[in-house]
């Protein structure tokens, strides 16, 4: 079952809230491809992101790599104050 149950496309804010790894269906949804196609790409070793095999038939997609492929960058953290000159 997908971590995110909403069938709509994921927003940038949604993507930035993802855990360190996600299931293949969620990664596929983020990329705009259907679940079956995402799994087919994983099984053929052609998924464009790093995939971790987590058991006999379980896969996880590394979120940092998913964000890299989608060219999503986390906003800069300015909480530490201005940078020193």
PDB file of N, CA and C in Angstrom:
ATOM      1  N   UNK A   1       0.838  -1.181   0.000  1.00  0.00           N
ATOM      2  CA  UNK A   1       0.000   0.000   0.000  1.00  0.00           C
ATOM      3  C   UNK A   1       0.880   1.240   0.000  1.00  0.00           C
ATOM      4  N   UNK A   2       0.496   2.218  -0.740  1.00  0.00           N
ATOM      5  CA  UNK A   2       1.256   3.451  -0.856  1.00  0.00           C
ATOM      6  C   UNK A   2       1.177   4.261   0.429  1.00  0.00           C
ATOM      7  N   UNK A   3       2.289   4.947   0.776  1.00  0.00           N
ATOM      8  CA  UNK A   3       2.272   5.793   1.958  1.00  0.00           C
ATOM      9  C   UNK A   3       1.275   6.939   1.815  1.00  0.00           C
ATOM     10  N   UNK A   4       1.119   7.421   0.610  1.00  0.00           N
ATOM     11  CA  UNK A   4       0.225   8.540   0.359  1.00  0.00           C
ATOM     12  C   UNK A   4      -0.984   8.008  -0.402  1.00  0.00           C
ATOM     13  N   UNK A   5      -2.149   8.113   0.200  1.00  0.00           N
ATOM     14  CA  UNK A   5      -3.330   7.488  -0.384  1.00  0.00           C
ATOM     15  C   UNK A   5      -4.023   8.364  -1.411  1.00  0.00           C
ATOM     16  N   UNK A   6      -3.751   9.661  -1.429  1.00  0.00           N
ATOM     17  CA  UNK A   6      -4.368  10.561  -2.383  1.00  0.00           C
ATOM     18  C   UNK A   6      -3.856  10.235  -3.785  1.00  0.00           C
ATOM     19  N   UNK A   7      -4.750  10.037  -4.730  1.00  0.00           N
ATOM     20  CA  UNK A   7      -4.364   9.646  -6.085  1.00  0.00           C
ATOM     21  C   UNK A   7      -3.905  10.832  -6.930  1.00  0.00           C
ATOM     22  N   UNK A   8      -3.991  12.049  -6.411  1.00  0.00           N
ATOM     23  CA  UNK A   8      -3.563  13.230  -7.157  1.00  0.00           C
ATOM     24  C   UNK A   8      -2.041  13.282  -7.238  1.00  0.00           C
ATOM     25  N   UNK A   9      -1.574  14.119  -8.130  1.00  0.00           N
ATOM     26  CA  UNK A   9      -0.127  14.317  -8.270  1.00  0.00           C
ATOM     27  C   UNK A   9       0.443  14.898  -6.985  1.00  0.00           C
ATOM     28  N   UNK A  10       1.702  14.610  -6.739  1.00  0.00           N
ATOM     29  CA  UNK A  10       2.366  15.122  -5.545  1.00  0.00           C
ATOM     30  C   UNK A  10       2.880  16.538  -5.799  1.00  0.00           C
ATOM     31  N   UNK A  11       2.697  17.402  -4.835  1.00  0.00           N
ATOM     32  CA  UNK A  11       3.223  18.760  -4.930  1.00  0.00           C
ATOM     33  C   UNK A  11       4.667  18.769  -4.434  1.00  0.00           C
ATOM     34  N   UNK A  12       5.355  19.871  -4.657  1.00  0.00           N
ATOM     35  CA  UNK A  12       6.717  20.009  -4.141  1.00  0.00           C
ATOM     36  C   UNK A  12       6.714  19.876  -2.624  1.00  0.00           C
ATOM     37  N   UNK A  13       5.736  20.471  -1.973  1.00  0.00           N
ATOM     38  CA  UNK A  13       5.639  20.364  -0.509  1.00  0.00           C
ATOM     39  C   UNK A  13       5.460  18.907  -0.087  1.00  0.00           C
ATOM     40  N   UNK A  14       4.624  18.158  -0.813  1.00  0.00           N
ATOM     41  CA  UNK A  14       4.446  16.728  -0.520  1.00  0.00           C
ATOM     42  C   UNK A  14       5.768  15.985  -0.656  1.00  0.00           C
ATOM     43  N   UNK A  15       6.485  16.263  -1.734  1.00  0.00           N
ATOM     44  CA  UNK A  15       7.753  15.578  -1.987  1.00  0.00           C
ATOM     45  C   UNK A  15       8.764  15.851  -0.882  1.00  0.00           C
ATOM     46  N   UNK A  16       8.804  17.073  -0.402  1.00  0.00           N
ATOM     47  CA  UNK A  16       9.770  17.436   0.629  1.00  0.00           C
ATOM     48  C   UNK A  16       9.426  16.847   1.995  1.00  0.00           C
ATOM     49  N   UNK A  17       8.200  16.365   2.163  1.00  0.00           N
ATOM     50  CA  UNK A  17       7.774  15.742   3.425  1.00  0.00           C
ATOM     51  C   UNK A  17       7.945  14.225   3.426  1.00  0.00           C
ATOM     52  N   UNK A  18       8.378  13.657   2.311  1.00  0.00           N
ATOM     53  CA  UNK A  18       8.499  12.202   2.229  1.00  0.00           C
ATOM     54  C   UNK A  18       9.575  11.686   3.181  1.00  0.00           C
ATOM     55  N   UNK A  19       9.404  10.459   3.671  1.00  0.00           N
ATOM     56  CA  UNK A  19      10.429   9.842   4.526  1.00  0.00           C
ATOM     57  C   UNK A  19      11.670   9.490   3.700  1.00  0.00           C
ATOM     58  N   UNK A  20      12.736   9.011   4.331  1.00  0.00           N
ATOM     59  CA  UNK A  20      13.985   8.716   3.614  1.00  0.00           C
ATOM     60  C   UNK A  20      13.837   7.737   2.445  1.00  0.00           C
ATOM     61  N   UNK A  21      12.917   6.796   2.559  1.00  0.00           N
ATOM     62  CA  UNK A  21      12.620   5.908   1.429  1.00  0.00           C
ATOM     63  C   UNK A  21      11.112   5.820   1.274  1.00  0.00           C
ATOM     64  N   UNK A  22      10.685   5.555   0.045  1.00  0.00           N
ATOM     65  CA  UNK A  22       9.255   5.405  -0.246  1.00  0.00           C
ATOM     66  C   UNK A  22       9.037   4.139  -1.053  1.00  0.00           C
ATOM     67  N   UNK A  23       7.793   3.695  -1.102  1.00  0.00           N
ATOM     68  CA  UNK A  23       7.494   2.527  -1.918  1.00  0.00           C
ATOM     69  C   UNK A  23       7.522   2.904  -3.400  1.00  0.00           C
ATOM     70  N   UNK A  24       7.566   1.900  -4.234  1.00  0.00           N
ATOM     71  CA  UNK A  24       7.678   2.112  -5.682  1.00  0.00           C
ATOM     72  C   UNK A  24       6.453   2.844  -6.227  1.00  0.00           C
ATOM     73  N   UNK A  25       5.282   2.534  -5.712  1.00  0.00           N
ATOM     74  CA  UNK A  25       4.062   3.190  -6.198  1.00  0.00           C
ATOM     75  C   UNK A  25       4.107   4.702  -5.940  1.00  0.00           C
ATOM     76  N   UNK A  26       4.564   5.104  -4.764  1.00  0.00           N
ATOM     77  CA  UNK A  26       4.661   6.529  -4.442  1.00  0.00           C
ATOM     78  C   UNK A  26       5.698   7.215  -5.327  1.00  0.00           C
ATOM     79  N   UNK A  27       6.835   6.575  -5.517  1.00  0.00           N
ATOM     80  CA  UNK A  27       7.869   7.144  -6.390  1.00  0.00           C
ATOM     81  C   UNK A  27       7.349   7.275  -7.821  1.00  0.00           C
ATOM     82  N   UNK A  28       6.662   6.264  -8.283  1.00  0.00           N
ATOM     83  CA  UNK A  28       6.084   6.323  -9.625  1.00  0.00           C
ATOM     84  C   UNK A  28       5.083   7.451  -9.742  1.00  0.00           C
ATOM     85  N   UNK A  29       4.249   7.584  -8.731  1.00  0.00           N
ATOM     86  CA  UNK A  29       3.256   8.658  -8.733  1.00  0.00           C
ATOM     87  C   UNK A  29       3.934  10.018  -8.789  1.00  0.00           C
ATOM     88  N   UNK A  30       5.024  10.183  -8.044  1.00  0.00           N
ATOM     89  CA  UNK A  30       5.760  11.445  -8.063  1.00  0.00           C
ATOM     90  C   UNK A  30       6.312  11.734  -9.452  1.00  0.00           C
ATOM     91  N   UNK A  31       6.638  10.670 -10.182  1.00  0.00           N
ATOM     92  CA  UNK A  31       7.207  10.818 -11.522  1.00  0.00           C
ATOM     93  C   UNK A  31       6.150  10.838 -12.617  1.00  0.00           C
ATOM     94  N   UNK A  32       4.900  10.635 -12.232  1.00  0.00           N
ATOM     95  CA  UNK A  32       3.817  10.670 -13.208  1.00  0.00           C
ATOM     96  C   UNK A  32       3.666   9.386 -14.004  1.00  0.00           C
ATOM     97  N   UNK A  33       4.114   8.271 -13.433  1.00  0.00           N
ATOM     98  CA  UNK A  33       3.937   6.985 -14.111  1.00  0.00           C
ATOM     99  C   UNK A  33       3.093   6.068 -13.232  1.00  0.00           C
ATOM    100  N   UNK A  34       2.395   5.155 -13.858  1.00  0.00           N
ATOM    101  CA  UNK A  34       1.505   4.274 -13.105  1.00  0.00           C
ATOM    102  C   UNK A  34       2.306   3.227 -12.329  1.00  0.00           C
ATOM    103  N   UNK A  35       1.658   2.652 -11.356  1.00  0.00           N
ATOM    104  CA  UNK A  35       2.275   1.662 -10.473  1.00  0.00           C
ATOM    105  C   UNK A  35       2.867   0.496 -11.259  1.00  0.00           C
ATOM    106  N   UNK A  36       2.092  -0.038 -12.205  1.00  0.00           N
ATOM    107  CA  UNK A  36       2.563  -1.193 -12.976  1.00  0.00           C
ATOM    108  C   UNK A  36       3.827  -0.861 -13.768  1.00  0.00           C
ATOM    109  N   UNK A  37       3.864   0.306 -14.373  1.00  0.00           N
ATOM    110  CA  UNK A  37       5.047   0.719 -15.128  1.00  0.00           C
ATOM    111  C   UNK A  37       6.232   0.904 -14.194  1.00  0.00           C
ATOM    112  N   UNK A  38       5.998   1.505 -13.036  1.00  0.00           N
ATOM    113  CA  UNK A  38       7.076   1.711 -12.068  1.00  0.00           C
ATOM    114  C   UNK A  38       7.684   0.371 -11.655  1.00  0.00           C
ATOM    115  N   UNK A  39       6.836  -0.611 -11.334  1.00  0.00           N
ATOM    116  CA  UNK A  39       7.351  -1.928 -10.940  1.00  0.00           C
ATOM    117  C   UNK A  39       8.051  -2.629 -12.100  1.00  0.00           C
ATOM    118  N   UNK A  40       7.544  -2.456 -13.314  1.00  0.00           N
ATOM    119  CA  UNK A  40       8.190  -3.055 -14.477  1.00  0.00           C
ATOM    120  C   UNK A  40       9.606  -2.486 -14.641  1.00  0.00           C
ATOM    121  N   UNK A  41       9.743  -1.164 -14.461  1.00  0.00           N
ATOM    122  CA  UNK A  41      11.056  -0.532 -14.558  1.00  0.00           C
ATOM    123  C   UNK A  41      11.992  -1.019 -13.455  1.00  0.00           C
ATOM    124  N   UNK A  42      11.467  -1.189 -12.251  1.00  0.00           N
ATOM    125  CA  UNK A  42      12.286  -1.692 -11.144  1.00  0.00           C
ATOM    126  C   UNK A  42      12.770  -3.104 -11.455  1.00  0.00           C
ATOM    127  N   UNK A  43      11.864  -3.964 -11.882  1.00  0.00           N
ATOM    128  CA  UNK A  43      12.228  -5.363 -12.161  1.00  0.00           C
ATOM    129  C   UNK A  43      13.210  -5.484 -13.315  1.00  0.00           C
ATOM    130  N   UNK A  44      13.164  -4.545 -14.258  1.00  0.00           N
ATOM    131  CA  UNK A  44      14.085  -4.592 -15.394  1.00  0.00           C
ATOM    132  C   UNK A  44      15.354  -3.768 -15.128  1.00  0.00           C
ATOM    133  N   UNK A  45      15.508  -3.309 -13.888  1.00  0.00           N
ATOM    134  CA  UNK A  45      16.671  -2.529 -13.468  1.00  0.00           C
ATOM    135  C   UNK A  45      16.807  -1.239 -14.275  1.00  0.00           C
ATOM    136  N   UNK A  46      15.662  -0.634 -14.624  1.00  0.00           N
ATOM    137  CA  UNK A  46      15.669   0.582 -15.435  1.00  0.00           C
ATOM    138  C   UNK A  46      14.998   1.764 -14.732  1.00  0.00           C
ATOM    139  N   UNK A  47      14.658   1.610 -13.447  1.00  0.00           N
ATOM    140  CA  UNK A  47      14.038   2.719 -12.718  1.00  0.00           C
ATOM    141  C   UNK A  47      15.081   3.820 -12.575  1.00  0.00           C
ATOM    142  N   UNK A  48      14.723   5.073 -12.817  1.00  0.00           N
ATOM    143  CA  UNK A  48      15.726   6.144 -12.862  1.00  0.00           C
ATOM    144  C   UNK A  48      16.260   6.608 -11.505  1.00  0.00           C
ATOM    145  N   UNK A  49      15.815   5.996 -10.420  1.00  0.00           N
ATOM    146  CA  UNK A  49      16.277   6.355  -9.078  1.00  0.00           C
ATOM    147  C   UNK A  49      16.880   5.133  -8.405  1.00  0.00           C
ATOM    148  N   UNK A  50      17.657   5.378  -7.357  1.00  0.00           N
ATOM    149  CA  UNK A  50      18.234   4.283  -6.585  1.00  0.00           C
ATOM    150  C   UNK A  50      17.118   3.508  -5.895  1.00  0.00           C
ATOM    151  N   UNK A  51      17.111   2.191  -6.103  1.00  0.00           N
ATOM    152  CA  UNK A  51      16.109   1.300  -5.521  1.00  0.00           C
ATOM    153  C   UNK A  51      16.824   0.304  -4.619  1.00  0.00           C
ATOM    154  N   UNK A  52      16.271   0.112  -3.438  1.00  0.00           N
ATOM    155  CA  UNK A  52      16.818  -0.848  -2.480  1.00  0.00           C
ATOM    156  C   UNK A  52      15.875  -2.040  -2.422  1.00  0.00           C
ATOM    157  N   UNK A  53      16.438  -3.228  -2.593  1.00  0.00           N
ATOM    158  CA  UNK A  53      15.630  -4.434  -2.452  1.00  0.00           C
ATOM    159  C   UNK A  53      15.545  -4.758  -0.966  1.00  0.00           C
ATOM    160  N   UNK A  54      14.348  -4.763  -0.425  1.00  0.00           N
ATOM    161  CA  UNK A  54      14.141  -4.953   1.012  1.00  0.00           C
ATOM    162  C   UNK A  54      13.324  -6.217   1.250  1.00  0.00           C
ATOM    163  N   UNK A  55      13.881  -7.341   0.866  1.00  0.00           N
ATOM    164  CA  UNK A  55      13.167  -8.603   1.018  1.00  0.00           C
ATOM    165  C   UNK A  55      12.993  -9.276  -0.322  1.00  0.00           C
ATOM    166  N   UNK A  56      12.312 -10.399  -0.309  1.00  0.00           N
ATOM    167  CA  UNK A  56      12.156 -11.194  -1.530  1.00  0.00           C
ATOM    168  C   UNK A  56      11.432 -10.436  -2.636  1.00  0.00           C
ATOM    169  N   UNK A  57      10.367  -9.715  -2.281  1.00  0.00           N
ATOM    170  CA  UNK A  57       9.592  -9.011  -3.300  1.00  0.00           C
ATOM    171  C   UNK A  57       9.253  -7.589  -2.877  1.00  0.00           C
ATOM    172  N   UNK A  58      10.077  -7.001  -2.064  1.00  0.00           N
ATOM    173  CA  UNK A  58       9.798  -5.656  -1.573  1.00  0.00           C
ATOM    174  C   UNK A  58      10.928  -4.717  -1.983  1.00  0.00           C
ATOM    175  N   UNK A  59      10.544  -3.562  -2.490  1.00  0.00           N
ATOM    176  CA  UNK A  59      11.510  -2.563  -2.942  1.00  0.00           C
ATOM    177  C   UNK A  59      11.209  -1.230  -2.276  1.00  0.00           C
ATOM    178  N   UNK A  60      12.259  -0.430  -2.052  1.00  0.00           N
ATOM    179  CA  UNK A  60      12.129   0.931  -1.542  1.00  0.00           C
ATOM    180  C   UNK A  60      12.949   1.846  -2.438  1.00  0.00           C
ATOM    181  N   UNK A  61      12.430   3.033  -2.677  1.00  0.00           N
ATOM    182  CA  UNK A  61      13.118   4.021  -3.502  1.00  0.00           C
ATOM    183  C   UNK A  61      13.694   5.086  -2.576  1.00  0.00           C
ATOM    184  N   UNK A  62      14.950   5.433  -2.787  1.00  0.00           N
ATOM    185  CA  UNK A  62      15.627   6.431  -1.961  1.00  0.00           C
ATOM    186  C   UNK A  62      15.081   7.817  -2.322  1.00  0.00           C
ATOM    187  N   UNK A  63      14.483   8.462  -1.344  1.00  0.00           N
ATOM    188  CA  UNK A  63      13.829   9.752  -1.577  1.00  0.00           C
ATOM    189  C   UNK A  63      14.804  10.820  -2.060  1.00  0.00           C
ATOM    190  N   UNK A  64      15.988  10.872  -1.499  1.00  0.00           N
ATOM    191  CA  UNK A  64      16.970  11.883  -1.931  1.00  0.00           C
ATOM    192  C   UNK A  64      17.263  11.744  -3.425  1.00  0.00           C
ATOM    193  N   UNK A  65      17.346  10.515  -3.898  1.00  0.00           N
ATOM    194  CA  UNK A  65      17.606  10.307  -5.326  1.00  0.00           C
ATOM    195  C   UNK A  65      16.375  10.652  -6.159  1.00  0.00           C
ATOM    196  N   UNK A  66      15.192  10.334  -5.642  1.00  0.00           N
ATOM    197  CA  UNK A  66      13.953  10.710  -6.326  1.00  0.00           C
ATOM    198  C   UNK A  66      13.886  12.225  -6.486  1.00  0.00           C
ATOM    199  N   UNK A  67      14.200  12.958  -5.419  1.00  0.00           N
ATOM    200  CA  UNK A  67      14.186  14.422  -5.494  1.00  0.00           C
ATOM    201  C   UNK A  67      15.223  14.935  -6.484  1.00  0.00           C
ATOM    202  N   UNK A  68      16.384  14.280  -6.536  1.00  0.00           N
ATOM    203  CA  UNK A  68      17.428  14.675  -7.496  1.00  0.00           C
ATOM    204  C   UNK A  68      16.930  14.495  -8.921  1.00  0.00           C
ATOM    205  N   UNK A  69      16.327  13.347  -9.207  1.00  0.00           N
ATOM    206  CA  UNK A  69      15.829  13.064 -10.559  1.00  0.00           C
ATOM    207  C   UNK A  69      14.733  14.056 -10.944  1.00  0.00           C
ATOM    208  N   UNK A  70      13.885  14.398  -9.984  1.00  0.00           N
ATOM    209  CA  UNK A  70      12.795  15.345 -10.256  1.00  0.00           C
ATOM    210  C   UNK A  70      13.256  16.802 -10.188  1.00  0.00           C
ATOM    211  N   UNK A  71      14.519  17.017  -9.851  1.00  0.00           N
ATOM    212  CA  UNK A  71      15.106  18.348  -9.727  1.00  0.00           C
ATOM    213  C   UNK A  71      14.357  19.206  -8.701  1.00  0.00           C
ATOM    214  N   UNK A  72      14.033  18.582  -7.569  1.00  0.00           N
ATOM    215  CA  UNK A  72      13.380  19.282  -6.463  1.00  0.00           C
ATOM    216  C   UNK A  72      14.438  19.539  -5.407  1.00  0.00           C
ATOM    217  N   UNK A  73      14.583  20.793  -5.037  1.00  0.00           N
ATOM    218  CA  UNK A  73      15.559  21.158  -4.022  1.00  0.00           C
ATOM    219  C   UNK A  73      14.843  21.658  -2.781  1.00  0.00           C
ATOM    220  N   UNK A  74      15.350  21.258  -1.636  1.00  0.00           N
ATOM    221  CA  UNK A  74      14.802  21.761  -0.384  1.00  0.00           C
ATOM    222  C   UNK A  74      15.112  23.244  -0.282  1.00  0.00           C
ATOM    223  N   UNK A  75      14.187  24.012   0.287  1.00  0.00           N
ATOM    224  CA  UNK A  75      14.471  25.440   0.452  1.00  0.00           C
ATOM    225  C   UNK A  75      15.663  25.634   1.386  1.00  0.00           C
ATOM    226  N   UNK A  76      16.397  26.706   1.163  1.00  0.00           N
ATOM    227  CA  UNK A  76      17.568  26.998   2.001  1.00  0.00           C
ATOM    228  C   UNK A  76      17.113  27.240   3.430  1.00  0.00           C
ATOM    229  N   UNK A  77      17.877  26.729   4.370  1.00  0.00           N
ATOM    230  CA  UNK A  77      17.576  26.911   5.789  1.00  0.00           C
ATOM    231  C   UNK A  77      18.265  28.175   6.280  1.00  0.00           C
ATOM    232  N   UNK A  78      17.475  29.197   6.571  1.00  0.00           N
ATOM    233  CA  UNK A  78      18.029  30.469   7.038  1.00  0.00           C
ATOM    234  C   UNK A  78      17.853  30.645   8.538  1.00  0.00           C
ATOM    235  N   UNK A  79      17.525  29.583   9.249  1.00  0.00           N
ATOM    236  CA  UNK A  79      17.257  29.681  10.674  1.00  0.00           C
ATOM    237  C   UNK A  79      18.505  29.990  11.493  1.00  0.00           C
ATOM    238  N   UNK A  80      19.677  29.720  10.949  1.00  0.00           N
ATOM    239  CA  UNK A  80      20.913  29.971  11.674  1.00  0.00           C
ATOM    240  C   UNK A  80      21.339  31.432  11.602  1.00  0.00           C
ATOM    241  N   UNK A  81      20.606  32.244  10.889  1.00  0.00           N
ATOM    242  CA  UNK A  81      20.968  33.663  10.754  1.00  0.00           C
ATOM    243  C   UNK A  81      21.777  33.892   9.503  1.00  0.00           C
ATOM    244  N   UNK A  82      22.151  35.122   9.271  1.00  0.00           N
ATOM    245  CA  UNK A  82      22.913  35.445   8.051  1.00  0.00           C
ATOM    246  C   UNK A  82      24.318  34.828   8.087  1.00  0.00           C
ATOM    247  N   UNK A  83      24.782  34.531   6.913  1.00  0.00           N
ATOM    248  CA  UNK A  83      26.133  33.952   6.796  1.00  0.00           C
ATOM    249  C   UNK A  83      27.168  35.022   7.094  1.00  0.00           C
ATOM    250  N   UNK A  84      28.278  34.602   7.633  1.00  0.00           N
ATOM    251  CA  UNK A  84      29.369  35.534   7.932  1.00  0.00           C
ATOM    252  C   UNK A  84      30.001  36.009   6.623  1.00  0.00           C
ATOM    253  N   UNK A  85      30.415  37.281   6.570  1.00  0.00           N
ATOM    254  CA  UNK A  85      31.024  37.811   5.339  1.00  0.00           C
ATOM    255  C   UNK A  85      32.362  37.206   5.031  1.00  0.00           C
TER     256      UNK A  85
END
